[in-house]
Amino acid sequence: MMPQDYVGPVMTLANLKRGNQLNMAYHGKQVMLTYEMPLAEIVLDFFDKLRACRAAMPRWTTSSRSTAPLTW
Protein backbone atom coordinates (compact mmCIF):
# COMPACT_ATOMS: atom_id res chain seq x y z
CA MET A 1 0.00 0.00 0.00
CA MET A 2 1.27 3.46 -0.84
CA PRO A 3 -0.01 6.99 -1.26
CA GLN A 4 -1.27 7.85 -4.74
CA ASP A 5 1.67 10.25 -5.21
CA TYR A 6 4.11 7.32 -5.39
CA VAL A 7 2.28 5.20 -7.98
CA GLY A 8 4.07 6.63 -11.03
CA PRO A 9 7.65 6.23 -9.75
CA VAL A 10 6.97 2.76 -8.33
CA MET A 11 5.35 1.56 -11.57
CA THR A 12 8.30 2.93 -13.55
CA LEU A 13 10.77 1.06 -11.33
CA ALA A 14 8.80 -2.19 -11.52
CA ASN A 15 8.58 -1.96 -15.32
CA LEU A 16 12.34 -1.32 -15.59
CA LYS A 17 12.88 -4.48 -13.53
CA ARG A 18 10.91 -6.59 -16.05
CA GLY A 19 7.78 -6.52 -13.90
CA ASN A 20 4.36 -7.55 -15.15
CA GLN A 21 1.50 -5.67 -13.51
CA LEU A 22 -1.21 -8.02 -12.27
CA ASN A 23 -3.48 -5.67 -10.35
CA MET A 24 -3.92 -2.11 -9.11
CA ALA A 25 -6.53 -1.45 -6.41
CA TYR A 26 -7.46 1.84 -4.78
CA HIS A 27 -8.38 1.85 -1.09
CA GLY A 28 -9.31 5.43 -0.29
CA LYS A 29 -6.17 7.51 -0.77
CA GLN A 30 -3.95 4.41 -0.78
CA VAL A 31 -3.05 2.22 -3.78
CA MET A 32 -2.05 -1.44 -3.78
CA LEU A 33 -0.01 -2.60 -6.77
CA THR A 34 0.54 -6.28 -7.50
CA TYR A 35 3.41 -7.16 -9.82
CA GLU A 36 5.08 -10.35 -10.94
CA MET A 37 8.79 -10.10 -11.66
CA PRO A 38 11.87 -12.32 -11.82
CA LEU A 39 13.46 -12.91 -8.44
CA ALA A 40 16.86 -11.97 -9.89
CA GLU A 41 15.57 -8.42 -10.42
CA ILE A 42 14.56 -8.15 -6.75
CA VAL A 43 17.71 -9.56 -5.17
CA LEU A 44 20.28 -6.96 -6.22
CA ASP A 45 19.10 -3.41 -5.59
CA PHE A 46 15.35 -3.35 -6.01
CA PHE A 47 14.44 -2.49 -2.41
CA ASP A 48 17.06 0.28 -2.19
CA LYS A 49 15.63 1.90 -5.31
CA LEU A 50 12.09 1.32 -4.08
CA ARG A 51 12.82 3.06 -0.78
CA ALA A 52 14.19 6.01 -2.73
CA CYS A 53 10.87 6.58 -4.56
CA ARG A 54 8.23 5.91 -1.91
CA ALA A 55 7.54 6.05 1.84
CA ALA A 56 5.76 2.74 2.63
CA MET A 57 7.65 -0.50 3.19
CA PRO A 58 6.79 -3.21 0.63
CA ARG A 59 5.24 -6.55 1.46
CA TRP A 60 5.93 -9.39 -0.89
CA THR A 61 5.04 -13.03 -1.16
CA THR A 62 6.68 -15.80 -3.13
CA SER A 63 5.18 -18.45 -5.33
CA SER A 64 6.38 -21.79 -6.65
CA ARG A 65 6.98 -20.33 -10.11
CA SER A 66 10.28 -18.81 -11.22
CA THR A 67 8.92 -15.35 -10.43
CA ALA A 68 7.70 -13.79 -7.21
CA PRO A 69 4.48 -11.79 -7.03
CA LEU A 70 5.30 -8.47 -5.43
CA THR A 71 2.66 -6.52 -3.56
CA TRP A 72 3.16 -2.96 -2.36
PDB file of N, CA and C in Angstrom:
ATOM      1  N   MET A   1       0.849  -1.167   0.000  1.00  0.00           N
ATOM      2  CA  MET A   1       0.000   0.000   0.000  1.00  0.00           C
ATOM      3  C   MET A   1       0.897   1.232   0.000  1.00  0.00           C
ATOM      4  N   MET A   2       0.496   2.222  -0.769  1.00  0.00           N
ATOM      5  CA  MET A   2       1.270   3.457  -0.843  1.00  0.00           C
ATOM      6  C   MET A   2       0.340   4.609  -1.164  1.00  0.00           C
ATOM      7  N   PRO A   3       0.767   5.826  -0.856  1.00  0.00           N
ATOM      8  CA  PRO A   3      -0.013   6.992  -1.258  1.00  0.00           C
ATOM      9  C   PRO A   3      -0.049   7.112  -2.786  1.00  0.00           C
ATOM     10  N   GLN A   4      -1.110   7.712  -3.290  1.00  0.00           N
ATOM     11  CA  GLN A   4      -1.272   7.850  -4.741  1.00  0.00           C
ATOM     12  C   GLN A   4      -0.112   8.590  -5.388  1.00  0.00           C
ATOM     13  N   ASP A   5       0.555   9.474  -4.661  1.00  0.00           N
ATOM     14  CA  ASP A   5       1.666  10.247  -5.211  1.00  0.00           C
ATOM     15  C   ASP A   5       2.839   9.380  -5.647  1.00  0.00           C
ATOM     16  N   TYR A   6       2.964   8.183  -5.100  1.00  0.00           N
ATOM     17  CA  TYR A   6       4.108   7.321  -5.390  1.00  0.00           C
ATOM     18  C   TYR A   6       3.848   6.306  -6.499  1.00  0.00           C
ATOM     19  N   VAL A   7       2.626   6.229  -6.996  1.00  0.00           N
ATOM     20  CA  VAL A   7       2.276   5.199  -7.977  1.00  0.00           C
ATOM     21  C   VAL A   7       3.140   5.293  -9.237  1.00  0.00           C
ATOM     22  N   GLY A   8       3.289   6.469  -9.794  1.00  0.00           N
ATOM     23  CA  GLY A   8       4.072   6.629 -11.031  1.00  0.00           C
ATOM     24  C   GLY A   8       5.510   6.167 -10.899  1.00  0.00           C
ATOM     25  N   PRO A   9       6.258   6.674  -9.904  1.00  0.00           N
ATOM     26  CA  PRO A   9       7.648   6.235  -9.749  1.00  0.00           C
ATOM     27  C   PRO A   9       7.792   4.739  -9.451  1.00  0.00           C
ATOM     28  N   VAL A  10       6.886   4.184  -8.652  1.00  0.00           N
ATOM     29  CA  VAL A  10       6.968   2.758  -8.326  1.00  0.00           C
ATOM     30  C   VAL A  10       6.662   1.911  -9.555  1.00  0.00           C
ATOM     31  N   MET A  11       5.669   2.303 -10.344  1.00  0.00           N
ATOM     32  CA  MET A  11       5.355   1.557 -11.568  1.00  0.00           C
ATOM     33  C   MET A  11       6.519   1.632 -12.562  1.00  0.00           C
ATOM     34  N   THR A  12       7.150   2.786 -12.661  1.00  0.00           N
ATOM     35  CA  THR A  12       8.302   2.929 -13.552  1.00  0.00           C
ATOM     36  C   THR A  12       9.432   1.997 -13.126  1.00  0.00           C
ATOM     37  N   LEU A  13       9.724   1.958 -11.834  1.00  0.00           N
ATOM     38  CA  LEU A  13      10.769   1.065 -11.331  1.00  0.00           C
ATOM     39  C   LEU A  13      10.430  -0.394 -11.605  1.00  0.00           C
ATOM     40  N   ALA A  14       9.203  -0.791 -11.307  1.00  0.00           N
ATOM     41  CA  ALA A  14       8.803  -2.188 -11.521  1.00  0.00           C
ATOM     42  C   ALA A  14       8.883  -2.565 -12.998  1.00  0.00           C
ATOM     43  N   ASN A  15       8.502  -1.675 -13.890  1.00  0.00           N
ATOM     44  CA  ASN A  15       8.584  -1.965 -15.320  1.00  0.00           C
ATOM     45  C   ASN A  15      10.032  -2.069 -15.785  1.00  0.00           C
ATOM     46  N   LEU A  16      10.916  -1.240 -15.241  1.00  0.00           N
ATOM     47  CA  LEU A  16      12.337  -1.324 -15.587  1.00  0.00           C
ATOM     48  C   LEU A  16      12.954  -2.639 -15.124  1.00  0.00           C
ATOM     49  N   LYS A  17      12.397  -3.209 -14.072  1.00  0.00           N
ATOM     50  CA  LYS A  17      12.885  -4.477 -13.530  1.00  0.00           C
ATOM     51  C   LYS A  17      12.143  -5.683 -14.125  1.00  0.00           C
ATOM     52  N   ARG A  18      11.606  -5.519 -15.309  1.00  0.00           N
ATOM     53  CA  ARG A  18      10.905  -6.586 -16.049  1.00  0.00           C
ATOM     54  C   ARG A  18       9.650  -7.076 -15.333  1.00  0.00           C
ATOM     55  N   GLY A  19       8.992  -6.169 -14.613  1.00  0.00           N
ATOM     56  CA  GLY A  19       7.778  -6.521 -13.895  1.00  0.00           C
ATOM     57  C   GLY A  19       6.562  -6.560 -14.801  1.00  0.00           C
ATOM     58  N   ASN A  20       5.628  -7.413 -14.454  1.00  0.00           N
ATOM     59  CA  ASN A  20       4.362  -7.554 -15.150  1.00  0.00           C
ATOM     60  C   ASN A  20       3.253  -7.192 -14.167  1.00  0.00           C
ATOM     61  N   GLN A  21       2.543  -6.113 -14.435  1.00  0.00           N
ATOM     62  CA  GLN A  21       1.496  -5.667 -13.509  1.00  0.00           C
ATOM     63  C   GLN A  21       0.316  -6.616 -13.550  1.00  0.00           C
ATOM     64  N   LEU A  22      -0.077  -7.112 -12.386  1.00  0.00           N
ATOM     65  CA  LEU A  22      -1.210  -8.025 -12.269  1.00  0.00           C
ATOM     66  C   LEU A  22      -2.467  -7.318 -11.793  1.00  0.00           C
ATOM     67  N   ASN A  23      -2.302  -6.321 -10.912  1.00  0.00           N
ATOM     68  CA  ASN A  23      -3.476  -5.674 -10.346  1.00  0.00           C
ATOM     69  C   ASN A  23      -3.094  -4.312  -9.777  1.00  0.00           C
ATOM     70  N   MET A  24      -4.064  -3.394  -9.778  1.00  0.00           N
ATOM     71  CA  MET A  24      -3.921  -2.115  -9.107  1.00  0.00           C
ATOM     72  C   MET A  24      -5.269  -1.817  -8.464  1.00  0.00           C
ATOM     73  N   ALA A  25      -5.278  -1.675  -7.143  1.00  0.00           N
ATOM     74  CA  ALA A  25      -6.526  -1.453  -6.408  1.00  0.00           C
ATOM     75  C   ALA A  25      -6.397  -0.211  -5.549  1.00  0.00           C
ATOM     76  N   TYR A  26      -7.423   0.621  -5.592  1.00  0.00           N
ATOM     77  CA  TYR A  26      -7.465   1.840  -4.784  1.00  0.00           C
ATOM     78  C   TYR A  26      -8.269   1.568  -3.526  1.00  0.00           C
ATOM     79  N   HIS A  27      -7.717   1.967  -2.387  1.00  0.00           N
ATOM     80  CA  HIS A  27      -8.383   1.853  -1.089  1.00  0.00           C
ATOM     81  C   HIS A  27      -8.338   3.239  -0.453  1.00  0.00           C
ATOM     82  N   GLY A  28      -9.324   4.050  -0.756  1.00  0.00           N
ATOM     83  CA  GLY A  28      -9.311   5.433  -0.286  1.00  0.00           C
ATOM     84  C   GLY A  28      -8.205   6.207  -0.977  1.00  0.00           C
ATOM     85  N   LYS A  29      -7.293   6.764  -0.207  1.00  0.00           N
ATOM     86  CA  LYS A  29      -6.172   7.515  -0.767  1.00  0.00           C
ATOM     87  C   LYS A  29      -4.929   6.651  -0.928  1.00  0.00           C
ATOM     88  N   GLN A  30      -5.056   5.352  -0.660  1.00  0.00           N
ATOM     89  CA  GLN A  30      -3.948   4.409  -0.784  1.00  0.00           C
ATOM     90  C   GLN A  30      -4.133   3.545  -2.031  1.00  0.00           C
ATOM     91  N   VAL A  31      -3.022   3.078  -2.589  1.00  0.00           N
ATOM     92  CA  VAL A  31      -3.050   2.224  -3.780  1.00  0.00           C
ATOM     93  C   VAL A  31      -2.248   0.964  -3.489  1.00  0.00           C
ATOM     94  N   MET A  32      -2.779  -0.187  -3.900  1.00  0.00           N
ATOM     95  CA  MET A  32      -2.050  -1.437  -3.782  1.00  0.00           C
ATOM     96  C   MET A  32      -1.733  -1.932  -5.186  1.00  0.00           C
ATOM     97  N   LEU A  33      -0.450  -2.070  -5.486  1.00  0.00           N
ATOM     98  CA  LEU A  33      -0.006  -2.597  -6.771  1.00  0.00           C
ATOM     99  C   LEU A  33       0.442  -4.030  -6.573  1.00  0.00           C
ATOM    100  N   THR A  34       0.085  -4.901  -7.514  1.00  0.00           N
ATOM    101  CA  THR A  34       0.545  -6.280  -7.498  1.00  0.00           C
ATOM    102  C   THR A  34       1.291  -6.521  -8.797  1.00  0.00           C
ATOM    103  N   TYR A  35       2.548  -6.899  -8.668  1.00  0.00           N
ATOM    104  CA  TYR A  35       3.412  -7.158  -9.817  1.00  0.00           C
ATOM    105  C   TYR A  35       3.996  -8.554  -9.713  1.00  0.00           C
ATOM    106  N   GLU A  36       4.334  -9.105 -10.852  1.00  0.00           N
ATOM    107  CA  GLU A  36       5.080 -10.353 -10.943  1.00  0.00           C
ATOM    108  C   GLU A  36       6.384  -9.993 -11.638  1.00  0.00           C
ATOM    109  N   MET A  37       7.511 -10.397 -11.033  1.00  0.00           N
ATOM    110  CA  MET A  37       8.792 -10.098 -11.656  1.00  0.00           C
ATOM    111  C   MET A  37       9.806 -11.173 -11.290  1.00  0.00           C
ATOM    112  N   PRO A  38      10.839 -11.314 -12.112  1.00  0.00           N
ATOM    113  CA  PRO A  38      11.870 -12.318 -11.821  1.00  0.00           C
ATOM    114  C   PRO A  38      12.562 -12.024 -10.488  1.00  0.00           C
ATOM    115  N   LEU A  39      12.809 -13.065  -9.730  1.00  0.00           N
ATOM    116  CA  LEU A  39      13.457 -12.914  -8.436  1.00  0.00           C
ATOM    117  C   LEU A  39      14.833 -12.268  -8.579  1.00  0.00           C
ATOM    118  N   ALA A  40      15.524 -12.554  -9.660  1.00  0.00           N
ATOM    119  CA  ALA A  40      16.857 -11.973  -9.885  1.00  0.00           C
ATOM    120  C   ALA A  40      16.805 -10.448  -9.924  1.00  0.00           C
ATOM    121  N   GLU A  41      15.705  -9.873 -10.362  1.00  0.00           N
ATOM    122  CA  GLU A  41      15.566  -8.421 -10.417  1.00  0.00           C
ATOM    123  C   GLU A  41      15.359  -7.823  -9.029  1.00  0.00           C
ATOM    124  N   ILE A  42      14.858  -8.619  -8.103  1.00  0.00           N
ATOM    125  CA  ILE A  42      14.564  -8.145  -6.754  1.00  0.00           C
ATOM    126  C   ILE A  42      15.801  -8.240  -5.861  1.00  0.00           C
ATOM    127  N   VAL A  43      16.606  -9.257  -6.065  1.00  0.00           N
ATOM    128  CA  VAL A  43      17.713  -9.564  -5.168  1.00  0.00           C
ATOM    129  C   VAL A  43      18.761  -8.458  -5.099  1.00  0.00           C
ATOM    130  N   LEU A  44      19.143  -7.885  -6.209  1.00  0.00           N
ATOM    131  CA  LEU A  44      20.276  -6.960  -6.218  1.00  0.00           C
ATOM    132  C   LEU A  44      20.004  -5.627  -5.529  1.00  0.00           C
ATOM    133  N   ASP A  45      19.255  -4.752  -6.145  1.00  0.00           N
ATOM    134  CA  ASP A  45      19.102  -3.406  -5.589  1.00  0.00           C
ATOM    135  C   ASP A  45      17.676  -2.897  -5.645  1.00  0.00           C
ATOM    136  N   PHE A  46      16.729  -3.772  -5.839  1.00  0.00           N
ATOM    137  CA  PHE A  46      15.350  -3.346  -6.013  1.00  0.00           C
ATOM    138  C   PHE A  46      14.822  -2.581  -4.799  1.00  0.00           C
ATOM    139  N   PHE A  47      15.020  -3.119  -3.598  1.00  0.00           N
ATOM    140  CA  PHE A  47      14.444  -2.489  -2.409  1.00  0.00           C
ATOM    141  C   PHE A  47      15.105  -1.152  -2.094  1.00  0.00           C
ATOM    142  N   ASP A  48      16.401  -1.010  -2.375  1.00  0.00           N
ATOM    143  CA  ASP A  48      17.060   0.284  -2.186  1.00  0.00           C
ATOM    144  C   ASP A  48      16.456   1.337  -3.107  1.00  0.00           C
ATOM    145  N   LYS A  49      16.231   0.966  -4.356  1.00  0.00           N
ATOM    146  CA  LYS A  49      15.629   1.896  -5.305  1.00  0.00           C
ATOM    147  C   LYS A  49      14.169   2.167  -4.971  1.00  0.00           C
ATOM    148  N   LEU A  50      13.486   1.149  -4.464  1.00  0.00           N
ATOM    149  CA  LEU A  50      12.087   1.320  -4.078  1.00  0.00           C
ATOM    150  C   LEU A  50      11.967   2.291  -2.904  1.00  0.00           C
ATOM    151  N   ARG A  51      12.838   2.149  -1.918  1.00  0.00           N
ATOM    152  CA  ARG A  51      12.821   3.062  -0.778  1.00  0.00           C
ATOM    153  C   ARG A  51      13.087   4.504  -1.202  1.00  0.00           C
ATOM    154  N   ALA A  52      13.856   4.662  -2.260  1.00  0.00           N
ATOM    155  CA  ALA A  52      14.186   6.007  -2.734  1.00  0.00           C
ATOM    156  C   ALA A  52      12.982   6.701  -3.376  1.00  0.00           C
ATOM    157  N   CYS A  53      11.996   5.959  -3.844  1.00  0.00           N
ATOM    158  CA  CYS A  53      10.871   6.585  -4.557  1.00  0.00           C
ATOM    159  C   CYS A  53       9.536   6.477  -3.841  1.00  0.00           C
ATOM    160  N   ARG A  54       9.491   5.971  -2.629  1.00  0.00           N
ATOM    161  CA  ARG A  54       8.226   5.911  -1.908  1.00  0.00           C
ATOM    162  C   ARG A  54       8.457   5.793  -0.407  1.00  0.00           C
ATOM    163  N   ALA A  55       7.413   6.005   0.389  1.00  0.00           N
ATOM    164  CA  ALA A  55       7.542   6.053   1.841  1.00  0.00           C
ATOM    165  C   ALA A  55       7.147   4.750   2.539  1.00  0.00           C
ATOM    166  N   ALA A  56       6.255   3.951   1.966  1.00  0.00           N
ATOM    167  CA  ALA A  56       5.757   2.744   2.633  1.00  0.00           C
ATOM    168  C   ALA A  56       6.682   1.560   2.378  1.00  0.00           C
ATOM    169  N   MET A  57       6.845   0.705   3.359  1.00  0.00           N
ATOM    170  CA  MET A  57       7.649  -0.501   3.191  1.00  0.00           C
ATOM    171  C   MET A  57       6.857  -1.526   2.378  1.00  0.00           C
ATOM    172  N   PRO A  58       7.502  -2.223   1.449  1.00  0.00           N
ATOM    173  CA  PRO A  58       6.789  -3.210   0.632  1.00  0.00           C
ATOM    174  C   PRO A  58       6.543  -4.510   1.392  1.00  0.00           C
ATOM    175  N   ARG A  59       5.499  -5.185   0.997  1.00  0.00           N
ATOM    176  CA  ARG A  59       5.242  -6.546   1.463  1.00  0.00           C
ATOM    177  C   ARG A  59       5.249  -7.413   0.222  1.00  0.00           C
ATOM    178  N   TRP A  60       5.917  -8.538   0.288  1.00  0.00           N
ATOM    179  CA  TRP A  60       5.927  -9.392  -0.890  1.00  0.00           C
ATOM    180  C   TRP A  60       5.797 -10.839  -0.485  1.00  0.00           C
ATOM    181  N   THR A  61       5.221 -11.610  -1.387  1.00  0.00           N
ATOM    182  CA  THR A  61       5.037 -13.030  -1.163  1.00  0.00           C
ATOM    183  C   THR A  61       5.666 -13.780  -2.326  1.00  0.00           C
ATOM    184  N   THR A  62       6.074 -14.997  -2.068  1.00  0.00           N
ATOM    185  CA  THR A  62       6.683 -15.799  -3.132  1.00  0.00           C
ATOM    186  C   THR A  62       5.700 -16.853  -3.617  1.00  0.00           C
ATOM    187  N   SER A  63       5.983 -17.366  -4.787  1.00  0.00           N
ATOM    188  CA  SER A  63       5.178 -18.451  -5.332  1.00  0.00           C
ATOM    189  C   SER A  63       6.109 -19.556  -5.780  1.00  0.00           C
ATOM    190  N   SER A  64       5.564 -20.663  -6.220  1.00  0.00           N
ATOM    191  CA  SER A  64       6.382 -21.791  -6.647  1.00  0.00           C
ATOM    192  C   SER A  64       6.894 -21.629  -8.077  1.00  0.00           C
ATOM    193  N   ARG A  65       6.489 -20.570  -8.754  1.00  0.00           N
ATOM    194  CA  ARG A  65       6.980 -20.329 -10.110  1.00  0.00           C
ATOM    195  C   ARG A  65       8.349 -19.690 -10.049  1.00  0.00           C
ATOM    196  N   SER A  66       8.945 -19.406 -11.191  1.00  0.00           N
ATOM    197  CA  SER A  66      10.279 -18.806 -11.221  1.00  0.00           C
ATOM    198  C   SER A  66      10.235 -17.304 -10.964  1.00  0.00           C
ATOM    199  N   THR A  67       9.053 -16.761 -10.745  1.00  0.00           N
ATOM    200  CA  THR A  67       8.917 -15.347 -10.431  1.00  0.00           C
ATOM    201  C   THR A  67       8.212 -15.203  -9.102  1.00  0.00           C
ATOM    202  N   ALA A  68       8.333 -14.041  -8.505  1.00  0.00           N
ATOM    203  CA  ALA A  68       7.699 -13.794  -7.212  1.00  0.00           C
ATOM    204  C   ALA A  68       6.710 -12.663  -7.339  1.00  0.00           C
ATOM    205  N   PRO A  69       5.424 -12.904  -7.030  1.00  0.00           N
ATOM    206  CA  PRO A  69       4.475 -11.789  -7.028  1.00  0.00           C
ATOM    207  C   PRO A  69       4.902 -10.767  -5.976  1.00  0.00           C
ATOM    208  N   LEU A  70       4.879  -9.533  -6.312  1.00  0.00           N
ATOM    209  CA  LEU A  70       5.303  -8.468  -5.425  1.00  0.00           C
ATOM    210  C   LEU A  70       4.146  -7.544  -5.171  1.00  0.00           C
ATOM    211  N   THR A  71       3.792  -7.368  -3.907  1.00  0.00           N
ATOM    212  CA  THR A  71       2.655  -6.521  -3.555  1.00  0.00           C
ATOM    213  C   THR A  71       3.143  -5.361  -2.719  1.00  0.00           C
ATOM    214  N   TRP A  72       2.811  -4.145  -3.132  1.00  0.00           N
ATOM    215  CA  TRP A  72       3.160  -2.955  -2.360  1.00  0.00           C
ATOM    216  C   TRP A  72       1.942  -2.414  -1.708  1.00  0.00           C
TER     217      TRP A  72
END
